[in-house]
PDB file of N, CA and C in Angstrom:
ATOM      1  N   MET A   1     -28.741  -6.416   3.198  1.00  0.00           N
ATOM      2  CA  MET A   1     -28.192  -5.114   3.005  1.00  0.00           C
ATOM      3  C   MET A   1     -26.916  -5.264   2.141  1.00  0.00           C
ATOM      4  N   PRO A   2     -26.841  -4.445   1.059  1.00  0.00           N
ATOM      5  CA  PRO A   2     -25.622  -4.528   0.243  1.00  0.00           C
ATOM      6  C   PRO A   2     -24.428  -3.972   0.991  1.00  0.00           C
ATOM      7  N   ARG A   3     -23.253  -4.517   0.678  1.00  0.00           N
ATOM      8  CA  ARG A   3     -22.034  -4.057   1.242  1.00  0.00           C
ATOM      9  C   ARG A   3     -21.241  -3.399   0.101  1.00  0.00           C
ATOM     10  N   LEU A   4     -21.025  -2.147   0.186  1.00  0.00           N
ATOM     11  CA  LEU A   4     -20.362  -1.375  -0.931  1.00  0.00           C
ATOM     12  C   LEU A   4     -19.038  -0.863  -0.423  1.00  0.00           C
ATOM     13  N   ALA A   5     -18.101  -0.837  -1.376  1.00  0.00           N
ATOM     14  CA  ALA A   5     -16.796  -0.227  -1.136  1.00  0.00           C
ATOM     15  C   ALA A   5     -16.727   1.142  -1.789  1.00  0.00           C
ATOM     16  N   ALA A   6     -16.173   2.104  -1.143  1.00  0.00           N
ATOM     17  CA  ALA A   6     -15.961   3.434  -1.759  1.00  0.00           C
ATOM     18  C   ALA A   6     -14.863   3.341  -2.760  1.00  0.00           C
ATOM     19  N   ASN A   7     -15.106   3.681  -3.985  1.00  0.00           N
ATOM     20  CA  ASN A   7     -14.053   3.767  -5.001  1.00  0.00           C
ATOM     21  C   ASN A   7     -13.389   5.121  -4.887  1.00  0.00           C
ATOM     22  N   LEU A   8     -12.239   5.125  -4.307  1.00  0.00           N
ATOM     23  CA  LEU A   8     -11.583   6.410  -4.051  1.00  0.00           C
ATOM     24  C   LEU A   8     -10.917   7.073  -5.281  1.00  0.00           C
ATOM     25  N   SER A   9     -10.967   6.327  -6.422  1.00  0.00           N
ATOM     26  CA  SER A   9     -10.565   6.963  -7.667  1.00  0.00           C
ATOM     27  C   SER A   9     -11.732   7.772  -8.256  1.00  0.00           C
ATOM     28  N   MET A  10     -12.937   7.426  -7.879  1.00  0.00           N
ATOM     29  CA  MET A  10     -14.145   8.006  -8.466  1.00  0.00           C
ATOM     30  C   MET A  10     -14.884   8.990  -7.498  1.00  0.00           C
ATOM     31  N   LEU A  11     -14.761   8.710  -6.218  1.00  0.00           N
ATOM     32  CA  LEU A  11     -15.524   9.494  -5.189  1.00  0.00           C
ATOM     33  C   LEU A  11     -14.593  10.470  -4.471  1.00  0.00           C
ATOM     34  N   PHE A  12     -15.160  11.540  -4.036  1.00  0.00           N
ATOM     35  CA  PHE A  12     -14.488  12.553  -3.233  1.00  0.00           C
ATOM     36  C   PHE A  12     -13.265  13.154  -3.963  1.00  0.00           C
ATOM     37  N   THR A  13     -13.422  13.312  -5.299  1.00  0.00           N
ATOM     38  CA  THR A  13     -12.303  13.801  -6.126  1.00  0.00           C
ATOM     39  C   THR A  13     -11.910  15.231  -5.893  1.00  0.00           C
ATOM     40  N   GLU A  14     -12.733  15.987  -5.116  1.00  0.00           N
ATOM     41  CA  GLU A  14     -12.347  17.294  -4.752  1.00  0.00           C
ATOM     42  C   GLU A  14     -11.243  17.337  -3.706  1.00  0.00           C
ATOM     43  N   LEU A  15     -10.924  16.163  -3.108  1.00  0.00           N
ATOM     44  CA  LEU A  15      -9.861  16.000  -2.147  1.00  0.00           C
ATOM     45  C   LEU A  15      -8.685  15.304  -2.728  1.00  0.00           C
ATOM     46  N   ASP A  16      -7.537  15.591  -2.079  1.00  0.00           N
ATOM     47  CA  ASP A  16      -6.327  14.825  -2.424  1.00  0.00           C
ATOM     48  C   ASP A  16      -6.586  13.354  -2.122  1.00  0.00           C
ATOM     49  N   PHE A  17      -5.928  12.514  -2.852  1.00  0.00           N
ATOM     50  CA  PHE A  17      -6.218  11.062  -2.757  1.00  0.00           C
ATOM     51  C   PHE A  17      -6.171  10.515  -1.326  1.00  0.00           C
ATOM     52  N   LEU A  18      -5.125  10.828  -0.599  1.00  0.00           N
ATOM     53  CA  LEU A  18      -5.008  10.321   0.762  1.00  0.00           C
ATOM     54  C   LEU A  18      -6.045  10.863   1.735  1.00  0.00           C
ATOM     55  N   ASP A  19      -6.627  12.003   1.388  1.00  0.00           N
ATOM     56  CA  ASP A  19      -7.624  12.613   2.251  1.00  0.00           C
ATOM     57  C   ASP A  19      -9.014  11.959   1.977  1.00  0.00           C
ATOM     58  N   ARG A  20      -9.133  11.247   0.898  1.00  0.00           N
ATOM     59  CA  ARG A  20     -10.378  10.565   0.507  1.00  0.00           C
ATOM     60  C   ARG A  20     -10.736   9.441   1.518  1.00  0.00           C
ATOM     61  N   PHE A  21      -9.742   8.885   2.150  1.00  0.00           N
ATOM     62  CA  PHE A  21     -10.017   7.809   3.113  1.00  0.00           C
ATOM     63  C   PHE A  21     -10.894   8.333   4.260  1.00  0.00           C
ATOM     64  N   GLU A  22     -10.567   9.479   4.780  1.00  0.00           N
ATOM     65  CA  GLU A  22     -11.334  10.037   5.854  1.00  0.00           C
ATOM     66  C   GLU A  22     -12.754  10.425   5.369  1.00  0.00           C
ATOM     67  N   ALA A  23     -12.885  10.909   4.175  1.00  0.00           N
ATOM     68  CA  ALA A  23     -14.205  11.223   3.638  1.00  0.00           C
ATOM     69  C   ALA A  23     -15.087   9.998   3.528  1.00  0.00           C
ATOM     70  N   ALA A  24     -14.437   8.875   3.070  1.00  0.00           N
ATOM     71  CA  ALA A  24     -15.166   7.616   2.934  1.00  0.00           C
ATOM     72  C   ALA A  24     -15.586   7.102   4.278  1.00  0.00           C
ATOM     73  N   ALA A  25     -14.773   7.245   5.265  1.00  0.00           N
ATOM     74  CA  ALA A  25     -15.114   6.835   6.609  1.00  0.00           C
ATOM     75  C   ALA A  25     -16.243   7.653   7.126  1.00  0.00           C
ATOM     76  N   SER A  26     -16.226   8.939   6.915  1.00  0.00           N
ATOM     77  CA  SER A  26     -17.293   9.849   7.358  1.00  0.00           C
ATOM     78  C   SER A  26     -18.606   9.516   6.687  1.00  0.00           C
ATOM     79  N   ALA A  27     -18.549   8.999   5.464  1.00  0.00           N
ATOM     80  CA  ALA A  27     -19.768   8.608   4.709  1.00  0.00           C
ATOM     81  C   ALA A  27     -20.281   7.245   5.103  1.00  0.00           C
ATOM     82  N   GLY A  28     -19.543   6.539   6.014  1.00  0.00           N
ATOM     83  CA  GLY A  28     -20.030   5.271   6.511  1.00  0.00           C
ATOM     84  C   GLY A  28     -19.528   4.013   5.809  1.00  0.00           C
ATOM     85  N   PHE A  29     -18.602   4.181   4.918  1.00  0.00           N
ATOM     86  CA  PHE A  29     -18.097   2.995   4.216  1.00  0.00           C
ATOM     87  C   PHE A  29     -17.156   2.156   5.185  1.00  0.00           C
ATOM     88  N   GLU A  30     -17.130   0.884   4.881  1.00  0.00           N
ATOM     89  CA  GLU A  30     -16.251  -0.002   5.666  1.00  0.00           C
ATOM     90  C   GLU A  30     -15.158  -0.594   4.821  1.00  0.00           C
ATOM     91  N   ALA A  31     -15.173  -0.358   3.524  1.00  0.00           N
ATOM     92  CA  ALA A  31     -14.208  -0.862   2.626  1.00  0.00           C
ATOM     93  C   ALA A  31     -13.952   0.160   1.527  1.00  0.00           C
ATOM     94  N   VAL A  32     -12.739   0.071   0.935  1.00  0.00           N
ATOM     95  CA  VAL A  32     -12.365   0.972  -0.144  1.00  0.00           C
ATOM     96  C   VAL A  32     -11.731   0.122  -1.297  1.00  0.00           C
ATOM     97  N   GLU A  33     -11.807   0.809  -2.455  1.00  0.00           N
ATOM     98  CA  GLU A  33     -11.135   0.266  -3.663  1.00  0.00           C
ATOM     99  C   GLU A  33     -10.661   1.498  -4.412  1.00  0.00           C
ATOM    100  N   PHE A  34      -9.745   1.261  -5.318  1.00  0.00           N
ATOM    101  CA  PHE A  34      -9.246   2.316  -6.179  1.00  0.00           C
ATOM    102  C   PHE A  34      -8.597   1.725  -7.367  1.00  0.00           C
ATOM    103  N   LEU A  35      -8.363   2.496  -8.443  1.00  0.00           N
ATOM    104  CA  LEU A  35      -7.792   1.954  -9.643  1.00  0.00           C
ATOM    105  C   LEU A  35      -6.380   1.527  -9.426  1.00  0.00           C
ATOM    106  N   PHE A  36      -5.447   2.449  -9.148  1.00  0.00           N
ATOM    107  CA  PHE A  36      -4.050   2.158  -9.144  1.00  0.00           C
ATOM    108  C   PHE A  36      -3.409   2.794  -7.904  1.00  0.00           C
ATOM    109  N   PRO A  37      -2.850   2.012  -6.996  1.00  0.00           N
ATOM    110  CA  PRO A  37      -2.279   2.570  -5.766  1.00  0.00           C
ATOM    111  C   PRO A  37      -0.850   3.017  -5.853  1.00  0.00           C
ATOM    112  N   TYR A  38      -0.201   2.885  -7.012  1.00  0.00           N
ATOM    113  CA  TYR A  38       1.227   2.908  -7.107  1.00  0.00           C
ATOM    114  C   TYR A  38       1.891   4.254  -6.966  1.00  0.00           C
ATOM    115  N   ASP A  39       1.152   5.320  -6.856  1.00  0.00           N
ATOM    116  CA  ASP A  39       1.736   6.648  -6.538  1.00  0.00           C
ATOM    117  C   ASP A  39       2.043   6.817  -5.091  1.00  0.00           C
ATOM    118  N   HIS A  40       1.598   5.841  -4.268  1.00  0.00           N
ATOM    119  CA  HIS A  40       1.861   5.935  -2.849  1.00  0.00           C
ATOM    120  C   HIS A  40       2.444   4.597  -2.332  1.00  0.00           C
ATOM    121  N   PRO A  41       3.388   4.632  -1.437  1.00  0.00           N
ATOM    122  CA  PRO A  41       3.903   3.396  -0.882  1.00  0.00           C
ATOM    123  C   PRO A  41       2.815   2.591  -0.234  1.00  0.00           C
ATOM    124  N   ALA A  42       2.908   1.285  -0.365  1.00  0.00           N
ATOM    125  CA  ALA A  42       1.916   0.385   0.171  1.00  0.00           C
ATOM    126  C   ALA A  42       1.731   0.558   1.698  1.00  0.00           C
ATOM    127  N   GLU A  43       2.828   0.865   2.383  1.00  0.00           N
ATOM    128  CA  GLU A  43       2.760   1.050   3.876  1.00  0.00           C
ATOM    129  C   GLU A  43       1.974   2.319   4.220  1.00  0.00           C
ATOM    130  N   VAL A  44       2.040   3.335   3.412  1.00  0.00           N
ATOM    131  CA  VAL A  44       1.256   4.599   3.645  1.00  0.00           C
ATOM    132  C   VAL A  44      -0.226   4.228   3.502  1.00  0.00           C
ATOM    133  N   LEU A  45      -0.557   3.459   2.461  1.00  0.00           N
ATOM    134  CA  LEU A  45      -1.964   3.082   2.217  1.00  0.00           C
ATOM    135  C   LEU A  45      -2.461   2.159   3.381  1.00  0.00           C
ATOM    136  N   ARG A  46      -1.598   1.243   3.795  1.00  0.00           N
ATOM    137  CA  ARG A  46      -1.965   0.375   4.927  1.00  0.00           C
ATOM    138  C   ARG A  46      -2.275   1.188   6.164  1.00  0.00           C
ATOM    139  N   ALA A  47      -1.443   2.225   6.394  1.00  0.00           N
ATOM    140  CA  ALA A  47      -1.702   3.058   7.593  1.00  0.00           C
ATOM    141  C   ALA A  47      -3.069   3.755   7.484  1.00  0.00           C
ATOM    142  N   ARG A  48      -3.467   4.174   6.295  1.00  0.00           N
ATOM    143  CA  ARG A  48      -4.762   4.781   6.137  1.00  0.00           C
ATOM    144  C   ARG A  48      -5.908   3.817   6.329  1.00  0.00           C
ATOM    145  N   LEU A  49      -5.686   2.588   5.796  1.00  0.00           N
ATOM    146  CA  LEU A  49      -6.714   1.543   6.061  1.00  0.00           C
ATOM    147  C   LEU A  49      -6.906   1.299   7.539  1.00  0.00           C
ATOM    148  N   ASP A  50      -5.780   1.171   8.242  1.00  0.00           N
ATOM    149  CA  ASP A  50      -5.848   0.885   9.673  1.00  0.00           C
ATOM    150  C   ASP A  50      -6.425   2.067  10.437  1.00  0.00           C
ATOM    151  N   ARG A  51      -6.045   3.276  10.068  1.00  0.00           N
ATOM    152  CA  ARG A  51      -6.547   4.462  10.763  1.00  0.00           C
ATOM    153  C   ARG A  51      -8.057   4.580  10.760  1.00  0.00           C
ATOM    154  N   PHE A  52      -8.637   4.190   9.582  1.00  0.00           N
ATOM    155  CA  PHE A  52     -10.090   4.371   9.451  1.00  0.00           C
ATOM    156  C   PHE A  52     -10.839   3.007   9.515  1.00  0.00           C
ATOM    157  N   GLY A  53     -10.153   1.906   9.815  1.00  0.00           N
ATOM    158  CA  GLY A  53     -10.761   0.617   9.969  1.00  0.00           C
ATOM    159  C   GLY A  53     -11.339   0.006   8.698  1.00  0.00           C
ATOM    160  N   PHE A  54     -10.650   0.325   7.585  1.00  0.00           N
ATOM    161  CA  PHE A  54     -11.113  -0.164   6.268  1.00  0.00           C
ATOM    162  C   PHE A  54     -10.597  -1.524   5.913  1.00  0.00           C
ATOM    163  N   ARG A  55     -11.354  -2.240   5.088  1.00  0.00           N
ATOM    164  CA  ARG A  55     -10.847  -3.379   4.307  1.00  0.00           C
ATOM    165  C   ARG A  55     -10.591  -2.865   2.953  1.00  0.00           C
ATOM    166  N   GLN A  56      -9.479  -3.350   2.283  1.00  0.00           N
ATOM    167  CA  GLN A  56      -9.184  -3.053   0.926  1.00  0.00           C
ATOM    168  C   GLN A  56      -9.897  -4.097   0.061  1.00  0.00           C
ATOM    169  N   ALA A  57     -10.880  -3.644  -0.712  1.00  0.00           N
ATOM    170  CA  ALA A  57     -11.724  -4.549  -1.485  1.00  0.00           C
ATOM    171  C   ALA A  57     -10.963  -5.051  -2.713  1.00  0.00           C
ATOM    172  N   LEU A  58     -10.369  -4.141  -3.433  1.00  0.00           N
ATOM    173  CA  LEU A  58      -9.623  -4.501  -4.690  1.00  0.00           C
ATOM    174  C   LEU A  58      -8.857  -3.314  -5.212  1.00  0.00           C
ATOM    175  N   PHE A  59      -7.975  -3.547  -6.126  1.00  0.00           N
ATOM    176  CA  PHE A  59      -7.282  -2.512  -6.921  1.00  0.00           C
ATOM    177  C   PHE A  59      -6.795  -3.193  -8.172  1.00  0.00           C
ATOM    178  N   ASN A  60      -6.341  -2.410  -9.089  1.00  0.00           N
ATOM    179  CA  ASN A  60      -5.904  -2.911 -10.424  1.00  0.00           C
ATOM    180  C   ASN A  60      -4.402  -3.023 -10.566  1.00  0.00           C
ATOM    181  N   LEU A  61      -3.982  -3.924 -11.493  1.00  0.00           N
ATOM    182  CA  LEU A  61      -2.631  -3.895 -11.919  1.00  0.00           C
ATOM    183  C   LEU A  61      -2.389  -2.667 -12.717  1.00  0.00           C
ATOM    184  N   SER A  62      -1.139  -2.281 -12.912  1.00  0.00           N
ATOM    185  CA  SER A  62      -0.786  -1.158 -13.722  1.00  0.00           C
ATOM    186  C   SER A  62      -1.406  -1.308 -15.117  1.00  0.00           C
ATOM    187  N   PRO A  63      -1.950  -0.173 -15.642  1.00  0.00           N
ATOM    188  CA  PRO A  63      -2.610  -0.278 -16.946  1.00  0.00           C
ATOM    189  C   PRO A  63      -1.580  -0.172 -18.113  1.00  0.00           C
ATOM    190  N   GLY A  64      -0.351   0.053 -17.835  1.00  0.00           N
ATOM    191  CA  GLY A  64       0.613   0.400 -18.935  1.00  0.00           C
ATOM    192  C   GLY A  64       0.643   1.906 -19.104  1.00  0.00           C
ATOM    193  N   ASP A  65       0.696   2.285 -20.369  1.00  0.00           N
ATOM    194  CA  ASP A  65       0.783   3.734 -20.699  1.00  0.00           C
ATOM    195  C   ASP A  65      -0.620   4.297 -20.879  1.00  0.00           C
ATOM    196  N   TRP A  66      -1.173   4.801 -19.789  1.00  0.00           N
ATOM    197  CA  TRP A  66      -2.566   5.301 -19.762  1.00  0.00           C
ATOM    198  C   TRP A  66      -2.750   6.403 -20.805  1.00  0.00           C
ATOM    199  N   GLU A  67      -1.749   7.296 -20.952  1.00  0.00           N
ATOM    200  CA  GLU A  67      -1.866   8.460 -21.834  1.00  0.00           C
ATOM    201  C   GLU A  67      -2.001   8.076 -23.318  1.00  0.00           C
ATOM    202  N   THR A  68      -1.500   6.886 -23.692  1.00  0.00           N
ATOM    203  CA  THR A  68      -1.616   6.444 -25.074  1.00  0.00           C
ATOM    204  C   THR A  68      -2.795   5.511 -25.277  1.00  0.00           C
ATOM    205  N   GLY A  69      -3.551   5.266 -24.219  1.00  0.00           N
ATOM    206  CA  GLY A  69      -4.733   4.442 -24.340  1.00  0.00           C
ATOM    207  C   GLY A  69      -4.664   3.047 -23.811  1.00  0.00           C
ATOM    208  N   GLU A  70      -3.493   2.670 -23.267  1.00  0.00           N
ATOM    209  CA  GLU A  70      -3.362   1.302 -22.750  1.00  0.00           C
ATOM    210  C   GLU A  70      -4.221   1.206 -21.504  1.00  0.00           C
ATOM    211  N   ARG A  71      -4.914   0.066 -21.400  1.00  0.00           N
ATOM    212  CA  ARG A  71      -5.743  -0.214 -20.230  1.00  0.00           C
ATOM    213  C   ARG A  71      -5.475  -1.617 -19.668  1.00  0.00           C
ATOM    214  N   GLY A  72      -4.219  -1.998 -19.839  1.00  0.00           N
ATOM    215  CA  GLY A  72      -3.782  -3.327 -19.326  1.00  0.00           C
ATOM    216  C   GLY A  72      -2.651  -3.825 -20.254  1.00  0.00           C
ATOM    217  N   LEU A  73      -1.822  -4.678 -19.700  1.00  0.00           N
ATOM    218  CA  LEU A  73      -0.644  -5.118 -20.427  1.00  0.00           C
ATOM    219  C   LEU A  73      -0.760  -6.566 -20.933  1.00  0.00           C
ATOM    220  N   ALA A  74      -1.614  -7.358 -20.311  1.00  0.00           N
ATOM    221  CA  ALA A  74      -1.630  -8.820 -20.625  1.00  0.00           C
ATOM    222  C   ALA A  74      -1.993  -9.111 -22.094  1.00  0.00           C
ATOM    223  N   ILE A  75      -2.624  -8.213 -22.778  1.00  0.00           N
ATOM    224  CA  ILE A  75      -3.060  -8.488 -24.126  1.00  0.00           C
ATOM    225  C   ILE A  75      -1.945  -8.313 -25.160  1.00  0.00           C
ATOM    226  N   PHE A  76      -0.888  -7.641 -24.745  1.00  0.00           N
ATOM    227  CA  PHE A  76       0.191  -7.299 -25.706  1.00  0.00           C
ATOM    228  C   PHE A  76       1.303  -8.339 -25.652  1.00  0.00           C
ATOM    229  N   PRO A  77       1.535  -9.142 -26.656  1.00  0.00           N
ATOM    230  CA  PRO A  77       2.574 -10.156 -26.626  1.00  0.00           C
ATOM    231  C   PRO A  77       3.970  -9.561 -26.387  1.00  0.00           C
ATOM    232  N   GLY A  78       4.196  -8.359 -26.862  1.00  0.00           N
ATOM    233  CA  GLY A  78       5.497  -7.698 -26.708  1.00  0.00           C
ATOM    234  C   GLY A  78       5.732  -7.086 -25.358  1.00  0.00           C
ATOM    235  N   LYS A  79       4.726  -7.151 -24.467  1.00  0.00           N
ATOM    236  CA  LYS A  79       4.848  -6.534 -23.145  1.00  0.00           C
ATOM    237  C   LYS A  79       4.766  -7.565 -22.035  1.00  0.00           C
ATOM    238  N   ARG A  80       5.128  -8.796 -22.340  1.00  0.00           N
ATOM    239  CA  ARG A  80       5.090  -9.855 -21.387  1.00  0.00           C
ATOM    240  C   ARG A  80       5.909  -9.544 -20.141  1.00  0.00           C
ATOM    241  N   GLU A  81       7.110  -9.057 -20.347  1.00  0.00           N
ATOM    242  CA  GLU A  81       8.023  -8.689 -19.187  1.00  0.00           C
ATOM    243  C   GLU A  81       7.392  -7.553 -18.317  1.00  0.00           C
ATOM    244  N   ALA A  82       6.821  -6.582 -19.033  1.00  0.00           N
ATOM    245  CA  ALA A  82       6.207  -5.435 -18.309  1.00  0.00           C
ATOM    246  C   ALA A  82       4.999  -5.914 -17.513  1.00  0.00           C
ATOM    247  N   PHE A  83       4.238  -6.868 -18.095  1.00  0.00           N
ATOM    248  CA  PHE A  83       3.070  -7.451 -17.390  1.00  0.00           C
ATOM    249  C   PHE A  83       3.564  -8.196 -16.148  1.00  0.00           C
ATOM    250  N   ALA A  84       4.604  -8.985 -16.346  1.00  0.00           N
ATOM    251  CA  ALA A  84       5.117  -9.839 -15.202  1.00  0.00           C
ATOM    252  C   ALA A  84       5.569  -8.890 -14.065  1.00  0.00           C
ATOM    253  N   ALA A  85       6.220  -7.820 -14.420  1.00  0.00           N
ATOM    254  CA  ALA A  85       6.720  -6.830 -13.420  1.00  0.00           C
ATOM    255  C   ALA A  85       5.524  -6.171 -12.716  1.00  0.00           C
ATOM    256  N   SER A  86       4.499  -5.812 -13.498  1.00  0.00           N
ATOM    257  CA  SER A  86       3.311  -5.183 -12.875  1.00  0.00           C
ATOM    258  C   SER A  86       2.579  -6.146 -11.961  1.00  0.00           C
ATOM    259  N   LEU A  87       2.529  -7.420 -12.326  1.00  0.00           N
ATOM    260  CA  LEU A  87       1.949  -8.408 -11.499  1.00  0.00           C
ATOM    261  C   LEU A  87       2.699  -8.600 -10.204  1.00  0.00           C
ATOM    262  N   GLU A  88       3.996  -8.629 -10.285  1.00  0.00           N
ATOM    263  CA  GLU A  88       4.815  -8.743  -9.099  1.00  0.00           C
ATOM    264  C   GLU A  88       4.643  -7.554  -8.164  1.00  0.00           C
ATOM    265  N   GLN A  89       4.555  -6.377  -8.768  1.00  0.00           N
ATOM    266  CA  GLN A  89       4.345  -5.133  -7.958  1.00  0.00           C
ATOM    267  C   GLN A  89       2.958  -5.211  -7.299  1.00  0.00           C
ATOM    268  N   ALA A  90       1.957  -5.587  -8.013  1.00  0.00           N
ATOM    269  CA  ALA A  90       0.621  -5.659  -7.490  1.00  0.00           C
ATOM    270  C   ALA A  90       0.481  -6.694  -6.329  1.00  0.00           C
ATOM    271  N   LEU A  91       1.174  -7.802  -6.519  1.00  0.00           N
ATOM    272  CA  LEU A  91       1.105  -8.830  -5.490  1.00  0.00           C
ATOM    273  C   LEU A  91       1.732  -8.369  -4.208  1.00  0.00           C
ATOM    274  N   GLY A  92       2.834  -7.546  -4.377  1.00  0.00           N
ATOM    275  CA  GLY A  92       3.494  -6.950  -3.196  1.00  0.00           C
ATOM    276  C   GLY A  92       2.519  -6.024  -2.449  1.00  0.00           C
ATOM    277  N   TYR A  93       1.865  -5.159  -3.209  1.00  0.00           N
ATOM    278  CA  TYR A  93       0.861  -4.245  -2.640  1.00  0.00           C
ATOM    279  C   TYR A  93      -0.266  -5.016  -1.967  1.00  0.00           C
ATOM    280  N   ALA A  94      -0.749  -6.047  -2.675  1.00  0.00           N
ATOM    281  CA  ALA A  94      -1.838  -6.876  -2.155  1.00  0.00           C
ATOM    282  C   ALA A  94      -1.477  -7.515  -0.789  1.00  0.00           C
ATOM    283  N   SER A  95      -0.292  -7.925  -0.679  1.00  0.00           N
ATOM    284  CA  SER A  95       0.179  -8.544   0.573  1.00  0.00           C
ATOM    285  C   SER A  95       0.134  -7.557   1.702  1.00  0.00           C
ATOM    286  N   VAL A  96       0.688  -6.363   1.462  1.00  0.00           N
ATOM    287  CA  VAL A  96       0.741  -5.337   2.482  1.00  0.00           C
ATOM    288  C   VAL A  96      -0.679  -4.848   2.842  1.00  0.00           C
ATOM    289  N   LEU A  97      -1.534  -4.671   1.797  1.00  0.00           N
ATOM    290  CA  LEU A  97      -2.909  -4.182   2.022  1.00  0.00           C
ATOM    291  C   LEU A  97      -3.894  -5.218   2.465  1.00  0.00           C
ATOM    292  N   GLY A  98      -3.522  -6.450   2.422  1.00  0.00           N
ATOM    293  CA  GLY A  98      -4.423  -7.543   2.791  1.00  0.00           C
ATOM    294  C   GLY A  98      -5.570  -7.596   1.802  1.00  0.00           C
ATOM    295  N   CYS A  99      -5.249  -7.392   0.564  1.00  0.00           N
ATOM    296  CA  CYS A  99      -6.260  -7.244  -0.523  1.00  0.00           C
ATOM    297  C   CYS A  99      -6.410  -8.615  -1.235  1.00  0.00           C
ATOM    298  N   PRO A 100      -7.662  -9.169  -1.239  1.00  0.00           N
ATOM    299  CA  PRO A 100      -7.857 -10.458  -1.849  1.00  0.00           C
ATOM    300  C   PRO A 100      -8.124 -10.440  -3.337  1.00  0.00           C
ATOM    301  N   LYS A 101      -8.331  -9.278  -3.947  1.00  0.00           N
ATOM    302  CA  LYS A 101      -8.718  -9.223  -5.340  1.00  0.00           C
ATOM    303  C   LYS A 101      -7.894  -8.188  -6.110  1.00  0.00           C
ATOM    304  N   LEU A 102      -7.415  -8.623  -7.281  1.00  0.00           N
ATOM    305  CA  LEU A 102      -6.712  -7.686  -8.199  1.00  0.00           C
ATOM    306  C   LEU A 102      -7.519  -7.701  -9.485  1.00  0.00           C
TER     307      LEU A 102
END
């Protein structure tokens, strides 16, 4: 039997982001993933995971300036410091969320 994680960036978009956890639980998911968690404190997300019994499957590092088309910082030699900062931020979130994959 496949084990799937609900991608809360893509599913249940009619709901506010934090309300999507409950929708995923109601749909029978046991794990969630999403693109970028940084609009919410890690502790708030951890509380949602705990409330609904979820594992955090993965999330992404900051993409940089999404509006101008950036989809990651590691490729840009001039953004080395921004990438390092985004990695540090992501590792902090990963620790709080118990997330094994970035």
